[in-house]
Amino acid sequence: MTRQPETHRSRVGISSCLLGNSVRYDGGHKRDACCTDVLSDHFEWVSVCPEVEIGMGTPREAVRLVGGPAQPRMIGSETGHDWTDEMIQYARMRVQELVRLDLDGYVLKSKSPSCGMQRVAIDWGEGAPPGAGAGLFARELMAACPDLPVVEETFLRDPKRRESFVAQVASRRLRRTQSGA
């Protein structure tokens, strides 16, 4: 797959719920005004919801991460269903599709067991205080694309951080277009 014809906007991946799509476990969304009202003029969004895309449906039971921070498991909060292998397999495949789209950046949903970049709660087991880490999809994305500018939506609320992310995205796009990729 090759990149679509150039537009004036940078192509940026985003957690679908941030665009106002009702894909969350409770059937709701987490529309982020900074993304939809400020950055949409500059970015061509590539919307992704890993949980829906692996067939979890909406609404659905919530999931949580359990186990060690290096390899947490994604477990259904009510049924105990283990979604880890399906999520990792999907994430690896989807990330390769996103690589072929030549993304210029990515905005992830904070605290999400699939999309959180950091500070995602991980239950380490009986008696252990909760830890934190990255969501399973975010982990695969960042490992496969270490040079891709990636942020959580909460960072974009700070004008200096937002400006830094936009500059990183623009710089990546400029380097890519100058190299003829």
Protein backbone atom coordinates (compact mmCIF):
# COMPACT_ATOMS: atom_id res chain seq x y z
CA MET A 1 0.00 0.00 0.00
CA THR A 2 1.35 3.43 -0.87
CA ARG A 3 0.66 6.77 0.69
CA GLN A 4 -2.32 8.66 -0.67
CA PRO A 5 -1.77 11.88 -2.65
CA GLU A 6 -0.26 14.66 -0.56
CA THR A 7 -2.55 17.11 1.16
CA HIS A 8 -1.69 20.21 3.13
CA ARG A 9 -2.26 18.30 6.35
CA SER A 10 0.04 15.84 8.11
CA ARG A 11 -1.29 12.31 8.52
CA VAL A 12 -1.58 11.46 12.22
CA GLY A 13 -2.98 8.35 13.89
CA ILE A 14 -5.40 8.85 16.77
CA SER A 15 -7.39 6.84 19.27
CA SER A 16 -10.89 6.85 17.78
CA CYS A 17 -12.67 7.84 21.01
CA LEU A 18 -10.79 11.16 21.00
CA LEU A 19 -12.58 12.14 17.79
CA GLY A 20 -15.96 11.66 19.47
CA ASN A 21 -16.60 8.15 18.12
CA SER A 22 -18.68 6.07 20.54
CA VAL A 23 -16.26 3.15 20.81
CA ARG A 24 -15.49 3.00 24.53
CA TYR A 25 -16.42 0.07 26.76
CA ASP A 26 -19.42 1.99 28.13
CA GLY A 27 -20.64 2.96 24.66
CA GLY A 28 -19.37 6.50 25.10
CA HIS A 29 -16.47 8.53 23.76
CA LYS A 30 -13.78 10.83 25.07
CA ARG A 31 -13.99 13.58 22.45
CA ASP A 32 -11.04 15.88 22.92
CA ALA A 33 -11.66 19.46 21.84
CA CYS A 34 -7.98 20.14 21.27
CA CYS A 35 -7.86 17.30 18.73
CA THR A 36 -11.21 17.95 17.06
CA ASP A 37 -11.36 21.75 17.18
CA VAL A 38 -7.72 22.86 17.09
CA LEU A 39 -5.57 20.20 15.41
CA SER A 40 -8.08 18.93 12.83
CA ASP A 41 -7.25 21.89 10.60
CA HIS A 42 -3.63 20.71 10.46
CA PHE A 43 -3.87 16.93 10.68
CA GLU A 44 -5.51 14.27 8.55
CA TRP A 45 -6.62 11.84 11.25
CA VAL A 46 -6.26 8.06 10.89
CA SER A 47 -8.72 6.75 13.46
CA VAL A 48 -7.95 3.50 15.32
CA CYS A 49 -9.77 1.68 18.13
CA PRO A 50 -7.88 -1.53 18.88
CA GLU A 51 -10.54 -2.92 21.22
CA VAL A 52 -13.36 -2.56 18.69
CA GLU A 53 -11.12 -3.70 15.84
CA ILE A 54 -10.36 -7.02 17.57
CA GLY A 55 -14.09 -7.62 17.93
CA MET A 56 -14.77 -6.58 21.51
CA GLY A 57 -17.85 -4.59 20.52
CA THR A 58 -19.50 -1.54 22.05
CA PRO A 59 -20.59 -1.49 24.78
CA ARG A 60 -18.40 -4.20 26.32
CA GLU A 61 -16.93 -5.19 29.61
CA ALA A 62 -14.01 -3.10 30.76
CA VAL A 63 -10.54 -4.59 30.58
CA ARG A 64 -7.57 -4.10 32.85
CA LEU A 65 -3.90 -4.95 32.78
CA VAL A 66 -2.59 -7.49 35.28
CA GLY A 67 0.81 -9.05 35.95
CA GLY A 68 4.28 -7.62 35.65
CA PRO A 69 5.00 -4.34 33.89
CA ALA A 70 7.18 -6.02 31.22
CA GLN A 71 4.42 -8.31 29.91
CA PRO A 72 1.03 -7.46 31.41
CA ARG A 73 -2.07 -9.41 30.43
CA MET A 74 -5.30 -7.72 29.24
CA ILE A 75 -8.12 -9.29 31.23
CA GLY A 76 -11.88 -8.72 31.13
CA SER A 77 -12.93 -7.18 34.45
CA GLU A 78 -16.10 -9.27 34.79
CA THR A 79 -15.52 -12.50 32.86
CA GLY A 80 -11.77 -12.81 33.29
CA HIS A 81 -11.44 -13.38 29.54
CA ASP A 82 -7.80 -12.94 28.50
CA TRP A 83 -7.57 -10.68 25.43
CA THR A 84 -3.77 -10.39 25.47
CA ASP A 85 -2.83 -12.66 22.57
CA GLU A 86 -5.59 -11.28 20.33
CA MET A 87 -4.60 -7.70 21.11
CA ILE A 88 -0.90 -8.25 20.52
CA GLN A 89 -1.48 -10.13 17.26
CA TYR A 90 -3.86 -7.40 16.08
CA ALA A 91 -1.52 -4.60 17.22
CA ARG A 92 1.43 -6.00 15.31
CA MET A 93 -0.64 -6.34 12.13
CA ARG A 94 -2.31 -2.92 12.47
CA VAL A 95 0.96 -1.16 13.25
CA GLN A 96 2.44 -2.55 10.02
CA GLU A 97 -0.56 -1.14 8.13
CA LEU A 98 0.02 2.22 9.80
CA VAL A 99 3.73 2.12 8.89
CA ARG A 100 2.73 1.73 5.23
CA LEU A 101 0.57 4.86 5.56
CA ASP A 102 3.66 6.92 6.46
CA LEU A 103 2.13 8.49 9.54
CA ASP A 104 3.69 11.72 10.72
CA GLY A 105 2.61 11.28 14.35
CA TYR A 106 0.14 9.59 16.72
CA VAL A 107 -2.17 10.76 19.53
CA LEU A 108 -3.03 8.06 22.07
CA LYS A 109 -5.78 7.94 24.73
CA SER A 110 -4.23 8.27 28.16
CA LYS A 111 -4.74 5.58 30.79
CA SER A 112 -6.28 3.14 28.27
CA PRO A 113 -5.26 -0.54 28.69
CA SER A 114 -4.78 -0.67 24.94
CA CYS A 115 -3.77 2.88 23.96
CA GLY A 116 -2.24 4.48 27.04
CA MET A 117 1.36 5.49 26.49
CA GLN A 118 2.33 5.54 30.16
CA ARG A 119 0.69 5.63 33.58
CA VAL A 120 -1.77 2.85 32.65
CA ALA A 121 -2.72 1.05 35.86
CA ILE A 122 -1.33 -2.48 36.12
CA ASP A 123 -2.52 -4.80 38.86
CA TRP A 124 0.65 -6.61 39.94
CA GLY A 125 -1.17 -9.15 42.07
CA GLU A 126 -2.24 -9.80 45.63
CA GLY A 127 -0.80 -7.43 48.17
CA ALA A 128 1.35 -5.52 45.66
CA PRO A 129 0.69 -1.83 45.15
CA PRO A 130 -0.58 -1.06 41.65
CA GLY A 131 2.04 -0.21 39.08
CA ALA A 132 1.93 1.65 35.81
CA GLY A 133 3.02 1.03 32.25
CA ALA A 134 1.94 1.28 28.62
CA GLY A 135 -1.17 -0.18 27.00
CA LEU A 136 -0.66 -3.19 24.74
CA PHE A 137 -1.35 -1.44 21.42
CA ALA A 138 0.70 1.62 22.41
CA ARG A 139 3.61 -0.60 23.40
CA GLU A 140 3.65 -2.29 19.97
CA LEU A 141 3.29 1.04 18.15
CA MET A 142 6.16 2.68 20.01
CA ALA A 143 8.42 -0.37 19.65
CA ALA A 144 7.85 -0.63 15.89
CA CYS A 145 8.05 3.14 15.27
CA PRO A 146 10.61 4.56 17.72
CA ASP A 147 11.06 7.76 15.69
CA LEU A 148 7.33 8.49 15.34
CA PRO A 149 6.20 11.50 17.40
CA VAL A 150 3.69 10.04 19.88
CA VAL A 151 1.75 11.80 22.66
CA GLU A 152 -1.26 11.25 24.87
CA GLU A 153 -4.11 13.72 24.46
CA THR A 154 -3.52 15.10 27.96
CA PHE A 155 -0.13 16.48 26.89
CA LEU A 156 -1.74 18.45 24.06
CA ARG A 157 -3.67 20.58 26.55
CA ASP A 158 -0.42 22.29 27.50
CA PRO A 159 0.30 24.89 24.76
CA LYS A 160 4.09 24.35 24.86
CA ARG A 161 3.78 20.57 24.64
CA ARG A 162 1.19 20.90 21.87
CA GLU A 163 3.49 23.24 19.95
CA SER A 164 6.38 20.81 20.40
CA PHE A 165 4.31 17.88 19.10
CA VAL A 166 3.08 19.86 16.09
CA ALA A 167 6.68 20.88 15.32
CA GLN A 168 7.86 17.25 15.58
CA VAL A 169 5.07 16.12 13.24
CA ALA A 170 5.88 18.89 10.74
CA SER A 171 9.59 18.11 10.88
CA ARG A 172 8.96 14.41 10.25
CA ARG A 173 6.69 15.21 7.31
CA LEU A 174 9.22 17.62 5.85
CA ARG A 175 12.07 15.09 6.12
CA ARG A 176 9.91 12.41 4.52
CA THR A 177 8.76 14.60 1.64
CA GLN A 178 12.27 15.91 0.99
CA SER A 179 13.62 12.35 0.85
CA GLY A 180 10.91 11.41 -1.67
CA ALA A 181 9.39 8.70 0.54
